[in-house]
Amino acid sequence: MKHLIDPMDLTVEEINDLLVLADDIILDKTKYRDVCKYKTLATCFFEPSTRTRLSFEAAMLELGGNVLGFSSADSSSAAKGESVTDTARTVACYSDIIAMRHPKEGAPFVATRGLTVPIINAGDGGHNHPTQTLTDLLTIHREKGHFDNLVVGLCGDLKFGRTVHSLIKALTRYKNIHFILISPEELRVPEYIIEDVLKKSNVTFEEARTMEEVMDKLDILYMTRVQKERFFNEADYIRLKDSYILDLEKLKKAKKDLTIMHPLPRVNEISVQVDDDPRAAYFRQALYGKYIRMALIMKMLGLK
């Protein structure tokens, strides 16, 4: 596995191998605490992040490795005009593997040119976020025990949400998945996802404007925030930011075994009252992110 830029870079078999390894890490973390001894992960984050960056760093440290990097473009030579390719090739001189987040779509792919170490896309603009997708898959695997025959509701910002786009791509490879796309008209899933991913894969889907009308159908509800940083017009953001708020009242019609997910950070799209509901899996999801990144780092470095 040279680089991971898109979730579709991984086969279903490779994903299953990662899930099995993550399960084993969860079962006995001490067995893996020296696997990455003398290895170094570089976190090149040109865009702010809490969970993804710290999750990568925690993963490498718990594997016994080292971490270096930067947390914003302002604290790197990008502020001086250095290209992303030159930054990556320079950082590769000091590390064994790179995790890169960038606000521009395709930047991590561009960074692979001439690169001698593996690079992991930790999110590029509104495009892809493959390790969040792996986190989501591990969450579904741990909470549901299977991927087939699920009704998956995706709610909120489906236009700019890279986590949504990546998860749709990944889940289309499993049997009898049905998507319910819940969003305002302005934040609908992009046409290329509908045409080139859903329809091309013969995956069934429907669109809805409210959670209430479809809540009783859902096996999984994947909430997302309306992302201020993706809007060019602040007035549009203010108008749409509170479009969908999940609370206990809306959950009255939900299945008893519903799994509620969220890539985080949360603003106010899930009421804090929901946090104590056993169906709320989003903080467990954040923890699973560390374990799947531990498994991914090991696989990409060829370590056992």
Protein backbone atom coordinates (compact mmCIF):
# COMPACT_ATOMS: atom_id res chain seq x y z
CA MET A 1 0.00 0.00 0.00
CA LYS A 2 1.97 3.00 -1.28
CA HIS A 3 -0.41 5.93 -0.65
CA LEU A 4 -3.99 6.36 0.57
CA ILE A 5 -5.68 9.29 -1.19
CA ASP A 6 -9.21 8.04 -1.83
CA PRO A 7 -11.20 5.42 0.15
CA MET A 8 -11.58 3.51 -3.12
CA ASP A 9 -7.80 3.00 -3.15
CA LEU A 10 -8.52 0.16 -0.72
CA THR A 11 -10.17 -3.09 -1.78
CA VAL A 12 -12.92 -4.61 0.35
CA GLU A 13 -10.43 -7.31 1.35
CA GLU A 14 -7.87 -4.70 2.47
CA ILE A 15 -10.55 -2.90 4.49
CA ASN A 16 -11.57 -6.17 6.12
CA ASP A 17 -7.92 -6.85 7.02
CA LEU A 18 -7.69 -3.41 8.65
CA LEU A 19 -10.89 -4.02 10.62
CA VAL A 20 -9.61 -7.38 11.86
CA LEU A 21 -6.31 -5.80 12.91
CA ALA A 22 -8.12 -2.90 14.65
CA ASP A 23 -10.28 -5.43 16.53
CA ASP A 24 -7.14 -7.20 17.74
CA ILE A 25 -5.53 -3.91 18.82
CA ILE A 26 -8.66 -3.10 20.84
CA LEU A 27 -8.50 -6.55 22.41
CA ASP A 28 -4.83 -6.28 23.47
CA LYS A 29 -3.15 -2.88 22.97
CA THR A 30 -0.01 -3.92 24.88
CA LYS A 31 0.89 -6.39 22.13
CA TYR A 32 1.41 -3.49 19.72
CA ARG A 33 3.17 -0.91 21.87
CA ASP A 34 6.61 -1.30 20.26
CA VAL A 35 5.60 -2.11 16.67
CA CYS A 36 6.62 1.34 15.36
CA LYS A 37 9.71 1.80 17.49
CA TYR A 38 12.23 4.00 15.61
CA LYS A 39 9.54 4.98 13.05
CA THR A 40 8.34 8.58 12.64
CA LEU A 41 4.97 9.95 11.49
CA ALA A 42 4.83 13.50 10.11
CA THR A 43 1.49 15.29 10.45
CA CYS A 44 1.34 18.02 7.79
CA PHE A 45 -1.90 19.86 8.56
CA PHE A 46 -2.42 22.92 6.36
CA GLU A 47 -5.91 23.23 7.88
CA PRO A 48 -6.95 23.20 11.57
CA SER A 49 -7.99 19.88 13.08
CA THR A 50 -8.47 18.39 16.52
CA ARG A 51 -9.64 14.78 16.23
CA THR A 52 -7.87 13.77 13.04
CA ARG A 53 -4.46 15.20 13.91
CA LEU A 54 -4.48 14.12 17.56
CA SER A 55 -5.89 10.73 16.58
CA PHE A 56 -2.99 10.16 14.18
CA GLU A 57 -0.49 11.31 16.78
CA ALA A 58 -2.03 9.16 19.53
CA ALA A 59 -2.05 6.18 17.16
CA MET A 60 1.65 6.50 16.36
CA LEU A 61 2.65 7.12 19.97
CA GLU A 62 0.69 4.07 21.19
CA LEU A 63 2.53 2.01 18.57
CA GLY A 64 5.81 3.16 20.10
CA GLY A 65 6.70 5.55 17.28
CA ASN A 66 7.61 9.24 17.07
CA VAL A 67 5.63 12.22 15.75
CA LEU A 68 6.61 15.54 14.23
CA GLY A 69 4.75 18.07 12.12
CA PHE A 70 2.75 21.29 12.03
CA SER A 71 -0.90 22.14 12.70
CA SER A 72 -1.57 25.02 10.29
CA ALA A 73 -0.24 26.44 7.03
CA ASP A 74 0.90 29.57 8.89
CA SER A 75 3.42 27.54 10.87
CA SER A 76 4.98 25.95 7.77
CA SER A 77 6.95 27.20 4.79
CA ALA A 78 3.69 27.28 2.84
CA ALA A 79 3.36 30.75 4.33
CA LYS A 80 6.50 31.67 2.34
CA GLY A 81 5.03 30.28 -0.88
CA GLU A 82 6.56 26.79 -0.87
CA SER A 83 4.64 24.27 -2.99
CA VAL A 84 2.88 21.34 -1.35
CA THR A 85 5.10 18.96 -3.34
CA ASP A 86 8.29 20.55 -2.05
CA THR A 87 6.96 20.55 1.52
CA ALA A 88 6.12 16.84 1.28
CA ARG A 89 9.48 15.87 -0.23
CA THR A 90 11.30 17.84 2.47
CA VAL A 91 9.25 16.34 5.31
CA ALA A 92 9.86 12.87 3.84
CA CYS A 93 13.56 13.36 4.62
CA TYR A 94 12.69 13.33 8.34
CA SER A 95 9.88 10.76 8.51
CA ASP A 96 8.73 7.29 7.46
CA ILE A 97 5.08 8.15 6.74
CA ILE A 98 3.08 11.37 6.26
CA ALA A 99 -0.51 12.28 7.13
CA MET A 100 -1.60 15.41 5.24
CA ARG A 101 -4.68 17.61 5.53
CA HIS A 102 -5.17 20.43 3.07
CA PRO A 103 -8.02 22.83 2.23
CA LYS A 104 -7.54 22.35 -1.54
CA GLU A 105 -9.01 19.29 -3.26
CA GLY A 106 -6.32 17.05 -4.71
CA ALA A 107 -3.40 18.54 -2.75
CA PRO A 108 -2.36 15.24 -1.07
CA PHE A 109 -2.39 13.55 -4.50
CA VAL A 110 -0.17 16.29 -5.92
CA ALA A 111 2.14 15.82 -2.93
CA THR A 112 2.80 12.18 -3.91
CA ARG A 113 4.94 13.24 -6.90
CA GLY A 114 8.43 11.93 -6.37
CA LEU A 115 7.64 11.00 -2.77
CA THR A 116 9.68 8.18 -1.24
CA VAL A 117 7.45 7.53 1.80
CA PRO A 118 3.72 6.69 2.03
CA ILE A 119 1.28 9.57 2.35
CA ILE A 120 -2.20 9.40 3.89
CA ASN A 121 -4.85 11.90 2.87
CA ALA A 122 -6.22 13.25 6.16
CA GLY A 123 -8.83 15.35 4.34
CA ASP A 124 -8.62 17.51 1.21
CA GLY A 125 -11.18 20.30 0.96
CA GLY A 126 -14.68 18.99 0.29
CA HIS A 127 -13.31 16.00 -1.60
CA ASN A 128 -12.14 12.94 0.39
CA HIS A 129 -11.39 11.89 3.94
CA PRO A 130 -10.43 8.20 3.71
CA THR A 131 -9.32 7.69 7.32
CA GLN A 132 -12.60 9.14 8.57
CA THR A 133 -14.30 6.63 6.28
CA LEU A 134 -12.26 3.83 7.83
CA THR A 135 -13.26 5.18 11.25
CA ASP A 136 -16.91 5.13 10.17
CA LEU A 137 -16.61 1.58 8.84
CA LEU A 138 -14.99 0.36 12.06
CA THR A 139 -17.81 2.05 14.01
CA ILE A 140 -20.49 0.32 11.93
CA HIS A 141 -18.57 -2.96 12.22
CA ARG A 142 -18.36 -2.65 16.02
CA GLU A 143 -21.90 -1.33 16.54
CA LYS A 144 -23.82 -3.38 13.94
CA GLY A 145 -21.61 -6.36 13.24
CA HIS A 146 -22.20 -6.19 9.48
CA PHE A 147 -22.39 -3.83 6.48
CA ASP A 148 -25.05 -5.48 4.34
CA ASN A 149 -28.80 -4.75 4.40
CA LEU A 150 -28.60 -1.36 6.12
CA VAL A 151 -30.66 1.80 5.69
CA VAL A 152 -28.22 4.68 6.14
CA GLY A 153 -29.48 8.22 6.69
CA LEU A 154 -27.01 11.02 5.93
CA CYS A 155 -28.16 14.35 7.34
CA GLY A 156 -27.06 17.98 7.13
CA ASP A 157 -24.38 19.35 4.82
CA LEU A 158 -24.24 16.73 2.07
CA LYS A 159 -22.80 19.14 -0.52
CA PHE A 160 -19.50 20.10 1.10
CA GLY A 161 -19.19 17.21 3.57
CA ARG A 162 -16.16 15.19 2.46
CA THR A 163 -16.88 12.59 5.15
CA VAL A 164 -20.28 11.96 3.55
CA HIS A 165 -18.86 11.66 0.04
CA SER A 166 -16.17 9.21 1.16
CA LEU A 167 -18.60 7.08 3.19
CA ILE A 168 -21.07 6.83 0.30
CA LYS A 169 -18.28 5.60 -1.98
CA ALA A 170 -17.16 2.98 0.54
CA LEU A 171 -20.61 1.62 1.41
CA THR A 172 -21.71 1.20 -2.22
CA ARG A 173 -19.52 -1.92 -2.36
CA TYR A 174 -21.67 -3.78 0.17
CA LYS A 175 -24.95 -5.60 -0.49
CA ASN A 176 -28.41 -4.07 -0.23
CA ILE A 177 -27.40 -0.67 1.13
CA HIS A 178 -30.12 1.98 0.88
CA PHE A 179 -29.26 5.65 1.43
CA ILE A 180 -31.64 8.35 2.63
CA LEU A 181 -30.15 11.77 1.88
CA ILE A 182 -31.56 14.38 4.27
CA SER A 183 -30.66 17.99 3.50
CA PRO A 184 -31.97 21.38 2.42
CA GLU A 185 -32.06 21.95 -1.33
CA GLU A 186 -28.93 24.13 -1.17
CA LEU A 187 -26.87 21.39 0.52
CA ARG A 188 -27.89 18.36 -1.54
CA VAL A 189 -25.35 15.67 -2.41
CA PRO A 190 -23.38 16.79 -5.49
CA GLU A 191 -24.65 15.53 -8.82
CA TYR A 192 -21.41 13.63 -9.50
CA ILE A 193 -21.97 11.52 -6.36
CA ILE A 194 -25.51 10.71 -7.48
CA GLU A 195 -24.60 9.96 -11.10
CA ASP A 196 -21.08 8.53 -10.90
CA VAL A 197 -21.30 6.71 -7.58
CA LEU A 198 -24.87 5.84 -6.56
CA LYS A 199 -26.51 5.29 -9.95
CA LYS A 200 -23.40 3.78 -11.49
CA SER A 201 -23.25 1.23 -8.64
CA ASN A 202 -27.02 0.57 -8.84
CA VAL A 203 -27.40 1.60 -5.21
CA THR A 204 -30.89 2.68 -4.17
CA PHE A 205 -31.40 6.06 -2.53
CA GLU A 206 -34.04 8.65 -1.77
CA GLU A 207 -33.92 12.30 -0.77
CA ALA A 208 -35.78 13.88 2.14
CA ARG A 209 -36.07 17.37 3.55
CA THR A 210 -36.73 16.45 7.20
CA MET A 211 -35.47 13.82 9.65
CA GLU A 212 -38.96 13.24 11.04
CA GLU A 213 -40.38 11.81 7.81
CA VAL A 214 -37.76 9.03 7.59
CA MET A 215 -36.57 8.47 11.18
CA ASP A 216 -38.42 5.17 11.66
CA LYS A 217 -36.68 3.62 8.62
CA LEU A 218 -33.09 4.22 9.68
CA ASP A 219 -30.51 1.72 10.93
CA ILE A 220 -27.81 4.40 10.97
CA LEU A 221 -28.17 8.18 11.23
CA TYR A 222 -24.99 10.01 10.20
CA MET A 223 -25.22 13.64 11.28
CA THR A 224 -22.98 16.40 9.92
CA ARG A 225 -22.51 20.06 10.74
CA VAL A 226 -23.10 22.88 8.31
CA GLN A 227 -19.50 23.95 7.68
CA LYS A 228 -18.95 27.69 7.87
CA GLU A 229 -15.50 27.39 6.29
CA ARG A 230 -16.99 25.96 3.06
CA PHE A 231 -19.31 28.94 2.41
CA PHE A 232 -18.46 31.96 0.31
CA ASN A 233 -21.50 33.87 1.57
CA GLU A 234 -21.92 34.26 5.34
CA ALA A 235 -25.62 35.08 4.96
CA ASP A 236 -26.21 31.63 3.39
CA TYR A 237 -24.35 29.98 6.26
CA ILE A 238 -26.40 31.82 8.91
CA ARG A 239 -29.63 30.91 7.13
CA LEU A 240 -28.81 27.19 6.89
CA LYS A 241 -26.65 26.43 9.94
CA ASP A 242 -29.55 25.38 12.20
CA SER A 243 -31.48 23.50 9.51
CA TYR A 244 -31.28 20.14 11.28
CA ILE A 245 -30.98 19.61 15.01
CA LEU A 246 -31.35 16.09 16.43
CA ASP A 247 -33.03 15.96 19.84
CA LEU A 248 -34.82 13.41 22.00
CA GLU A 249 -38.20 14.38 20.57
CA LYS A 250 -37.11 13.46 17.03
CA LEU A 251 -35.68 10.15 18.32
CA LYS A 252 -39.05 8.97 19.65
CA LYS A 253 -39.84 7.39 16.27
CA ALA A 254 -36.37 5.86 15.83
CA LYS A 255 -35.50 2.18 16.07
CA LYS A 256 -34.26 0.90 19.42
CA ASP A 257 -31.00 -0.23 17.80
CA LEU A 258 -30.39 2.90 15.74
CA THR A 259 -26.73 3.94 15.60
CA ILE A 260 -26.17 7.71 15.70
CA MET A 261 -22.87 8.80 14.18
CA HIS A 262 -21.13 12.14 13.66
CA PRO A 263 -17.57 12.80 12.39
CA LEU A 264 -17.30 15.75 14.83
CA PRO A 265 -16.81 18.56 15.67
CA ARG A 266 -20.40 19.10 16.70
CA VAL A 267 -21.78 22.63 16.88
CA ASN A 268 -25.46 22.35 17.77
CA GLU A 269 -26.83 19.81 15.27
CA ILE A 270 -27.11 17.18 18.02
CA SER A 271 -28.59 18.22 21.35
CA VAL A 272 -26.35 17.36 24.31
CA GLN A 273 -29.36 15.53 25.77
CA VAL A 274 -28.80 12.86 23.12
CA ASP A 275 -25.28 12.12 24.44
CA ASP A 276 -26.61 9.85 27.21
CA ASP A 277 -28.75 7.82 24.82
CA PRO A 278 -27.09 4.39 24.27
CA ARG A 279 -27.71 4.81 20.54
CA ALA A 280 -25.31 7.80 20.45
CA ALA A 281 -22.06 6.34 19.09
CA TYR A 282 -20.16 9.49 18.07
CA PHE A 283 -17.71 9.62 20.97
CA ARG A 284 -17.07 5.88 20.64
CA GLN A 285 -16.57 6.65 16.93
CA ALA A 286 -13.83 9.16 17.81
CA LEU A 287 -12.04 6.48 19.85
CA TYR A 288 -12.36 3.93 17.05
CA GLY A 289 -10.56 6.48 14.85
CA LYS A 290 -7.39 6.01 16.86
CA TYR A 291 -7.50 2.22 16.55
CA ILE A 292 -8.14 2.14 12.80
CA ARG A 293 -5.31 4.64 12.25
CA MET A 294 -3.01 2.40 14.30
CA ALA A 295 -3.93 -0.49 12.00
CA LEU A 296 -3.49 1.65 8.88
CA ILE A 297 -0.06 2.95 9.90
CA MET A 298 1.10 -0.61 10.52
CA LYS A 299 -0.19 -1.85 7.16
CA MET A 300 1.28 1.05 5.20
CA LEU A 301 4.67 0.58 6.84
CA GLY A 302 4.52 -3.18 6.24
CA LEU A 303 4.76 -3.98 9.94
CA LYS A 304 3.37 -6.99 11.78
